[in-house]
C-alpha atoms as a PDB file:
ATOM      1  CA  MET A   1      39.950 -14.475-101.626  1.00  0.00           C
ATOM      2  CA  PRO A   2      36.287 -15.147-102.441  1.00  0.00           C
ATOM      3  CA  THR A   3      35.105 -14.482-105.924  1.00  0.00           C
ATOM      4  CA  ARG A   4      32.080 -12.402-106.847  1.00  0.00           C
ATOM      5  CA  SER A   5      30.044 -15.451-107.814  1.00  0.00           C
ATOM      6  CA  MET A   6      30.773 -17.059-104.445  1.00  0.00           C
ATOM      7  CA  VAL A   7      29.709 -13.912-102.553  1.00  0.00           C
ATOM      8  CA  ARG A   8      26.629 -13.606-104.733  1.00  0.00           C
ATOM      9  CA  SER A   9      25.619 -17.222-104.091  1.00  0.00           C
ATOM     10  CA  VAL A  10      26.089 -16.799-100.321  1.00  0.00           C
ATOM     11  CA  LEU A  11      23.939 -13.647-100.338  1.00  0.00           C
ATOM     12  CA  LEU A  12      21.285 -15.406-102.420  1.00  0.00           C
ATOM     13  CA  ALA A  13      21.238 -18.364-100.020  1.00  0.00           C
ATOM     14  CA  ALA A  14      20.932 -15.998 -97.029  1.00  0.00           C
ATOM     15  CA  ALA A  15      18.030 -14.167 -98.689  1.00  0.00           C
ATOM     16  CA  MET A  16      16.266 -17.456 -99.424  1.00  0.00           C
ATOM     17  CA  LEU A  17      16.686 -18.631 -95.828  1.00  0.00           C
ATOM     18  CA  ALA A  18      15.312 -15.326 -94.554  1.00  0.00           C
ATOM     19  CA  CYS A  19      12.225 -15.706 -96.758  1.00  0.00           C
ATOM     20  CA  VAL A  20      11.637 -19.307 -95.686  1.00  0.00           C
ATOM     21  CA  GLY A  21      12.083 -18.413 -92.015  1.00  0.00           C
ATOM     22  CA  GLY A  22       9.200 -15.944 -92.220  1.00  0.00           C
ATOM     23  CA  CYS A  23       6.697 -18.665 -93.166  1.00  0.00           C
ATOM     24  CA  GLN A  24       5.405 -20.078 -89.922  1.00  0.00           C
ATOM     25  CA  ARG A  25       2.111 -20.592 -88.141  1.00  0.00           C
ATOM     26  CA  VAL A  26       0.306 -17.808 -86.301  1.00  0.00           C
ATOM     27  CA  LEU A  27       1.543 -17.333 -82.739  1.00  0.00           C
ATOM     28  CA  PHE A  28      -1.856 -16.681 -81.143  1.00  0.00           C
ATOM     29  CA  ASN A  29      -5.043 -18.291 -82.424  1.00  0.00           C
ATOM     30  CA  PRO A  30      -7.871 -15.710 -82.477  1.00  0.00           C
ATOM     31  CA  ASP A  31     -10.405 -18.350 -81.363  1.00  0.00           C
ATOM     32  CA  GLU A  32      -8.578 -19.142 -78.106  1.00  0.00           C
ATOM     33  CA  PRO A  33      -8.940 -16.989 -74.984  1.00  0.00           C
ATOM     34  CA  TYR A  34      -6.067 -14.585 -74.364  1.00  0.00           C
ATOM     35  CA  ASN A  35      -6.205 -14.618 -70.572  1.00  0.00           C
ATOM     36  CA  GLN A  36      -7.873 -16.385 -67.655  1.00  0.00           C
ATOM     37  CA  TYR A  37     -10.785 -13.922 -67.599  1.00  0.00           C
ATOM     38  CA  ASP A  38     -11.799 -14.692 -71.176  1.00  0.00           C
ATOM     39  CA  ARG A  39     -11.648 -18.394 -70.365  1.00  0.00           C
ATOM     40  CA  TYR A  40     -13.844 -17.878 -67.271  1.00  0.00           C
ATOM     41  CA  ASP A  41     -16.395 -15.878 -69.265  1.00  0.00           C
ATOM     42  CA  ARG A  42     -16.639 -18.587 -71.923  1.00  0.00           C
ATOM     43  CA  LEU A  43     -17.003 -21.375 -69.358  1.00  0.00           C
ATOM     44  CA  ARG A  44     -19.887 -19.683 -67.566  1.00  0.00           C
ATOM     45  CA  ASP A  45     -21.614 -18.839 -70.889  1.00  0.00           C
ATOM     46  CA  GLY A  46     -21.423 -15.164 -70.132  1.00  0.00           C
ATOM     47  CA  PHE A  47     -18.949 -13.979 -72.723  1.00  0.00           C
ATOM     48  CA  SER A  48     -19.369 -10.265 -73.162  1.00  0.00           C
ATOM     49  CA  PRO A  49     -18.151  -8.559 -76.340  1.00  0.00           C
ATOM     50  CA  LYS A  50     -15.169  -6.244 -76.189  1.00  0.00           C
ATOM     51  CA  GLU A  51     -16.620  -3.769 -78.678  1.00  0.00           C
ATOM     52  CA  LEU A  52     -20.144  -2.748 -79.638  1.00  0.00           C
ATOM     53  CA  PRO A  53     -21.095  -0.507 -82.554  1.00  0.00           C
ATOM     54  CA  ASP A  54     -22.597   2.859 -81.643  1.00  0.00           C
ATOM     55  CA  GLU A  55     -25.544   4.453 -83.457  1.00  0.00           C
ATOM     56  CA  TYR A  56     -23.274   5.345 -86.400  1.00  0.00           C
ATOM     57  CA  GLY A  57     -21.744   1.869 -86.685  1.00  0.00           C
ATOM     58  CA  VAL A  58     -18.354   2.854 -85.262  1.00  0.00           C
ATOM     59  CA  PRO A  59     -17.012   0.208 -82.843  1.00  0.00           C
ATOM     60  CA  GLN A  60     -16.699   1.500 -79.281  1.00  0.00           C
ATOM     61  CA  PRO A  61     -15.381  -0.308 -76.180  1.00  0.00           C
ATOM     62  CA  ALA A  62     -18.230  -2.124 -74.429  1.00  0.00           C
ATOM     63  CA  LEU A  63     -17.369  -0.893 -70.951  1.00  0.00           C
ATOM     64  CA  ARG A  64     -20.924  -0.908 -69.637  1.00  0.00           C
ATOM     65  CA  ALA A  65     -21.482  -4.539 -70.665  1.00  0.00           C
ATOM     66  CA  ARG A  66     -18.090  -5.696 -69.352  1.00  0.00           C
ATOM     67  CA  LEU A  67     -18.142  -3.854 -66.034  1.00  0.00           C
ATOM     68  CA  SER A  68     -21.755  -4.391 -64.959  1.00  0.00           C
ATOM     69  CA  PRO A  69     -22.008  -6.749 -61.953  1.00  0.00           C
ATOM     70  CA  ASP A  70     -25.001  -8.795 -63.214  1.00  0.00           C
ATOM     71  CA  SER A  71     -23.591  -9.826 -66.590  1.00  0.00           C
END
């Protein structure tokens, strides 16, 4: 039968492993394109922003800039 100190040490080791397992690199780099369309926009030097601030400074989706055929 395990003693209390043995159970306590196993729980402490499990908690330490859980903390160490959470330290890893970021899955997606914010500087890299997320899909093929972002990559295409960057290659043709026509990257359009996803959000633009309105007259009050609140970010709004830039639908007009992203959906216009000449940009």
